[in-house]
Amino acid sequence: MRINKYLSECGLCSRREADRLIAEGRVTVNGCRAENGMQAEEGDIICVDGRQVCRKREKSYLKFYKPRGIVCTADRRVDNNLADYLNRTERVTYAGRLDRESEGLLLLTDDGDLIDGLMRARNGHEKEYEVETNREITDDFLDKMRRGIYLRELGVKTRPCLAERTGEKRFRIVLTQGLNRQIRRMCRACGFQVRSLKRIRVANLLLDDMRSGECRELTEQELQTLQNIVRGNGNGKEA
């Protein structure tokens, strides 16, 4: 098994993140620095930052209502980091971060393949948000958001998306990409400032009536539908 897949199955990170850790020299195999593309063999001692990691047989699938102020990182040197807040014994990581000032739904899992499938931009899986701004929502603003906005600082135009008014200064938006602070950047490009931002859906998973800070295991139906969506076999349907 390739070492990046091994690390993803340990629940440490996605394969892409594993490649970065390997390139940075933070992964060793039997005491020697790992290289991208190498194989992990039965009995190998694999460490990340000097700590041995092992594959798990039972995988965890959780949905978590991230409160505002919590930082999506496992780096315990960062104040209000996600790892300390969750305080769980198993290693889980998230699919699609939320910035410090945003709240809402995070999928937490140690299934690296599932994370990879959700995070690959070409797959276009949906994420839905409720947003409040500092100004009245206009038809012109919504039209610009729907058609896509060129973000000069990132050098990219956002994909067309769904957007609808839900209140005088509130709107709902469904994205199929995950650029850094994308909604905040899109609003700023239109002369708006985001006052609050909540993610209420990831693919078929809904925030529903969860309370801020609450963590739940996915139901069998939620997990099966999510896996079908990621595999693209037509048996799953995004909400």
Protein backbone atom coordinates (compact mmCIF):
# COMPACT_ATOMS: atom_id res chain seq x y z
CA MET A 1 0.00 0.00 0.00
CA ARG A 2 1.30 3.47 -0.86
CA ILE A 3 2.31 5.38 2.21
CA ASN A 4 -0.07 8.30 1.58
CA LYS A 5 -3.00 5.85 1.54
CA TYR A 6 -1.71 4.23 4.73
CA LEU A 7 -1.63 7.60 6.50
CA SER A 8 -5.13 8.44 5.30
CA GLU A 9 -6.40 5.12 6.67
CA CYS A 10 -4.85 5.99 10.03
CA GLY A 11 -7.33 8.88 10.13
CA LEU A 12 -4.49 11.39 10.26
CA CYS A 13 -5.28 13.30 7.08
CA SER A 14 -6.28 13.04 3.42
CA ARG A 15 -3.89 11.56 0.86
CA ARG A 16 -3.10 15.03 -0.46
CA GLU A 17 -2.20 16.25 3.02
CA ALA A 18 -0.15 13.07 3.55
CA ASP A 19 1.89 13.89 0.45
CA ARG A 20 2.63 17.32 1.96
CA LEU A 21 3.71 15.82 5.30
CA ILE A 22 6.00 13.41 3.47
CA ALA A 23 7.52 16.19 1.34
CA GLU A 24 8.19 18.20 4.52
CA GLY A 25 10.17 15.31 5.99
CA ARG A 26 7.74 14.75 8.86
CA VAL A 27 7.12 11.06 8.08
CA THR A 28 9.53 8.20 8.77
CA VAL A 29 9.40 4.49 7.96
CA ASN A 30 11.47 2.27 10.23
CA GLY A 31 13.44 5.32 11.33
CA CYS A 32 14.25 6.55 7.80
CA ARG A 33 12.73 9.56 6.09
CA ALA A 34 9.80 8.57 3.88
CA GLU A 35 9.53 9.51 0.22
CA ASN A 36 6.40 10.12 -1.84
CA GLY A 37 5.32 7.00 -3.70
CA MET A 38 7.02 4.49 -1.43
CA GLN A 39 5.14 1.45 -0.17
CA ALA A 40 4.17 0.70 3.42
CA GLU A 41 4.76 -2.98 4.17
CA GLU A 42 3.33 -5.20 6.90
CA GLY A 43 5.32 -4.69 10.11
CA ASP A 44 6.74 -1.28 9.15
CA ILE A 45 6.97 1.28 11.93
CA ILE A 46 5.56 4.51 10.51
CA CYS A 47 5.79 7.75 12.46
CA VAL A 48 4.58 11.29 11.91
CA ASP A 49 6.48 13.98 13.82
CA GLY A 50 8.12 11.18 15.80
CA ARG A 51 4.85 9.53 16.90
CA GLN A 52 3.91 6.09 15.58
CA VAL A 53 0.62 5.85 13.70
CA CYS A 54 -1.44 2.74 13.03
CA ARG A 55 -4.36 1.89 10.78
CA LYS A 56 -7.75 1.44 12.39
CA ARG A 57 -10.16 -1.35 11.51
CA GLU A 58 -13.33 0.46 12.59
CA LYS A 59 -13.74 3.88 11.00
CA SER A 60 -15.48 6.87 12.58
CA TYR A 61 -18.04 9.05 10.79
CA LEU A 62 -19.27 12.07 12.72
CA LYS A 63 -21.05 15.33 12.09
CA PHE A 64 -20.13 18.26 14.30
CA TYR A 65 -21.62 21.71 14.81
CA LYS A 66 -18.51 23.86 14.96
CA PRO A 67 -19.04 26.95 17.13
CA ARG A 68 -17.71 30.37 16.16
CA GLY A 69 -14.21 30.95 17.51
CA ILE A 70 -12.98 27.36 17.09
CA VAL A 71 -10.08 26.95 14.64
CA CYS A 72 -10.10 24.01 12.21
CA THR A 73 -6.68 22.61 13.05
CA ALA A 74 -5.24 19.69 15.02
CA ASP A 75 -2.24 21.84 15.99
CA ARG A 76 -2.57 22.10 19.76
CA ARG A 77 -0.25 25.10 19.80
CA VAL A 78 -3.10 27.14 18.27
CA ASP A 79 -5.55 28.67 20.73
CA ASN A 80 -9.10 27.23 20.54
CA ASN A 81 -8.00 24.43 18.20
CA LEU A 82 -10.45 21.77 17.05
CA ALA A 83 -8.50 18.83 18.53
CA ASP A 84 -8.61 20.23 22.06
CA TYR A 85 -12.26 21.19 21.74
CA LEU A 86 -13.31 17.70 20.58
CA ASN A 87 -11.01 15.92 23.06
CA ARG A 88 -11.55 12.56 21.36
CA THR A 89 -9.27 9.54 21.65
CA GLU A 90 -9.51 8.57 17.96
CA ARG A 91 -7.83 10.57 15.21
CA VAL A 92 -10.36 12.24 12.93
CA THR A 93 -10.02 15.04 10.43
CA TYR A 94 -12.53 17.22 8.61
CA ALA A 95 -13.73 17.47 5.02
CA GLY A 96 -13.89 21.17 4.17
CA ARG A 97 -12.72 23.61 6.84
CA LEU A 98 -14.66 26.52 8.26
CA ASP A 99 -12.79 29.68 9.25
CA ARG A 100 -12.62 30.84 12.86
CA GLU A 101 -15.57 33.24 12.62
CA SER A 102 -17.84 30.80 10.78
CA GLU A 103 -20.00 28.11 12.36
CA GLY A 104 -21.94 25.07 11.32
CA LEU A 105 -21.58 21.58 9.94
CA LEU A 106 -18.28 19.72 9.74
CA LEU A 107 -17.93 16.10 8.64
CA LEU A 108 -15.31 14.43 10.83
CA THR A 109 -13.87 11.06 9.85
CA ASP A 110 -10.74 8.91 9.71
CA ASP A 111 -11.76 7.63 6.25
CA GLY A 112 -9.17 9.32 4.05
CA ASP A 113 -10.69 8.00 0.82
CA LEU A 114 -14.07 9.52 1.68
CA ILE A 115 -12.44 12.87 2.45
CA ASP A 116 -10.51 12.78 -0.82
CA GLY A 117 -13.70 12.08 -2.76
CA LEU A 118 -15.54 14.96 -1.12
CA MET A 119 -12.68 17.44 -1.42
CA ARG A 120 -11.71 16.94 -5.06
CA ALA A 121 -12.96 20.07 -6.82
CA ARG A 122 -13.86 18.23 -10.03
CA ASN A 123 -16.47 16.17 -8.17
CA GLY A 124 -18.50 19.29 -7.37
CA HIS A 125 -20.20 18.12 -4.17
CA GLU A 126 -22.56 20.68 -2.65
CA LYS A 127 -22.12 22.69 0.53
CA GLU A 128 -24.94 24.98 1.65
CA TYR A 129 -24.68 28.10 3.80
CA GLU A 130 -26.85 30.71 5.49
CA VAL A 131 -25.28 34.17 5.39
CA GLU A 132 -26.10 37.53 6.98
CA THR A 133 -24.52 40.71 5.59
CA ASN A 134 -24.29 44.37 6.55
CA ARG A 135 -26.48 45.57 3.66
CA GLU A 136 -29.85 44.85 2.09
CA ILE A 137 -29.72 41.92 -0.32
CA THR A 138 -30.50 43.10 -3.85
CA ASP A 139 -31.37 41.26 -7.05
CA ASP A 140 -28.17 42.61 -8.64
CA PHE A 141 -26.08 41.18 -5.80
CA LEU A 142 -27.72 37.75 -6.10
CA ASP A 143 -27.29 37.75 -9.87
CA LYS A 144 -23.57 38.45 -9.53
CA MET A 145 -23.14 35.71 -6.96
CA ARG A 146 -25.01 33.20 -9.15
CA ARG A 147 -22.99 33.95 -12.28
CA GLY A 148 -19.62 33.74 -10.50
CA ILE A 149 -17.25 36.45 -9.34
CA TYR A 150 -13.62 37.01 -10.24
CA LEU A 151 -11.54 37.03 -7.06
CA ARG A 152 -8.51 39.12 -7.89
CA GLU A 153 -6.50 38.07 -4.84
CA LEU A 154 -6.83 34.38 -5.80
CA GLY A 155 -6.71 34.91 -9.56
CA VAL A 156 -9.82 32.77 -10.15
CA LYS A 157 -13.49 33.16 -11.02
CA THR A 158 -15.92 31.29 -8.81
CA ARG A 159 -18.23 28.69 -10.30
CA PRO A 160 -21.88 29.50 -10.99
CA CYS A 161 -23.92 28.70 -7.90
CA LEU A 162 -27.37 28.82 -6.36
CA ALA A 163 -28.23 31.89 -4.26
CA GLU A 164 -31.55 33.14 -2.92
CA ARG A 165 -32.73 35.87 -0.55
CA THR A 166 -34.02 34.66 2.82
CA GLY A 167 -34.37 38.02 4.58
CA GLU A 168 -33.63 41.72 4.24
CA LYS A 169 -29.90 41.18 4.84
CA ARG A 170 -29.77 37.40 4.60
CA PHE A 171 -29.32 34.90 1.79
CA ARG A 172 -28.73 31.19 1.22
CA ILE A 173 -25.97 29.96 -1.09
CA VAL A 174 -24.98 26.51 -2.40
CA LEU A 175 -21.36 26.09 -3.54
CA THR A 176 -19.63 23.25 -5.37
CA GLN A 177 -16.09 24.43 -4.64
CA GLY A 178 -14.17 25.37 -1.52
CA LEU A 179 -11.86 28.30 -2.09
CA ASN A 180 -10.28 29.91 0.96
CA ARG A 181 -12.89 32.16 2.66
CA GLN A 182 -14.83 32.03 -0.59
CA ILE A 183 -18.18 33.48 0.50
CA ARG A 184 -16.56 36.31 2.43
CA ARG A 185 -14.39 37.15 -0.57
CA MET A 186 -17.35 37.02 -2.99
CA CYS A 187 -19.40 39.33 -0.78
CA ARG A 188 -16.52 41.76 -0.35
CA ALA A 189 -16.02 41.92 -4.12
CA CYS A 190 -19.65 43.11 -4.35
CA GLY A 191 -19.24 45.72 -1.60
CA PHE A 192 -20.85 43.62 1.16
CA GLN A 193 -19.46 42.44 4.49
CA VAL A 194 -20.43 39.12 6.07
CA ARG A 195 -21.81 39.46 9.58
CA SER A 196 -22.52 35.77 10.19
CA LEU A 197 -21.97 32.60 8.19
CA LYS A 198 -23.32 29.14 8.97
CA ARG A 199 -22.88 25.93 6.96
CA ILE A 200 -26.08 23.91 7.13
CA ARG A 201 -25.37 21.08 4.66
CA VAL A 202 -22.50 19.00 3.27
CA ALA A 203 -23.69 16.80 0.38
CA ASN A 204 -26.64 14.90 1.96
CA LEU A 205 -25.70 15.68 5.58
CA LEU A 206 -27.85 18.29 7.32
CA LEU A 207 -27.17 20.38 10.40
CA ASP A 208 -30.85 20.05 11.30
CA ASP A 209 -31.54 20.69 14.99
CA MET A 210 -28.00 20.17 16.25
CA ARG A 211 -26.79 22.55 18.95
CA SER A 212 -23.54 24.49 18.73
CA GLY A 213 -20.71 22.22 19.92
CA GLU A 214 -22.72 19.01 19.48
CA CYS A 215 -21.16 15.95 17.83
CA ARG A 216 -23.16 12.98 16.50
CA GLU A 217 -22.36 9.72 14.72
CA LEU A 218 -23.80 9.47 11.22
CA THR A 219 -26.77 7.16 10.90
CA GLU A 220 -26.42 4.11 8.67
CA GLN A 221 -28.67 5.76 6.09
CA GLU A 222 -26.67 9.02 6.14
CA LEU A 223 -23.39 7.16 5.71
CA GLN A 224 -24.65 4.87 2.96
CA THR A 225 -26.09 7.78 0.99
CA LEU A 226 -22.89 9.82 1.45
CA GLN A 227 -20.71 6.92 0.27
CA ASN A 228 -22.93 6.46 -2.79
CA ILE A 229 -22.65 10.17 -3.61
CA VAL A 230 -18.86 10.12 -3.32
CA ARG A 231 -18.59 6.97 -5.42
CA GLY A 232 -20.85 8.54 -8.03
CA ASN A 233 -22.76 5.32 -8.59
CA GLY A 234 -26.13 7.01 -8.87
CA ASN A 235 -27.65 5.50 -5.72
CA GLY A 236 -27.07 8.57 -3.60
CA LYS A 237 -28.73 11.94 -3.94
CA GLU A 238 -27.61 15.28 -2.62
CA ALA A 239 -30.30 17.26 -0.80
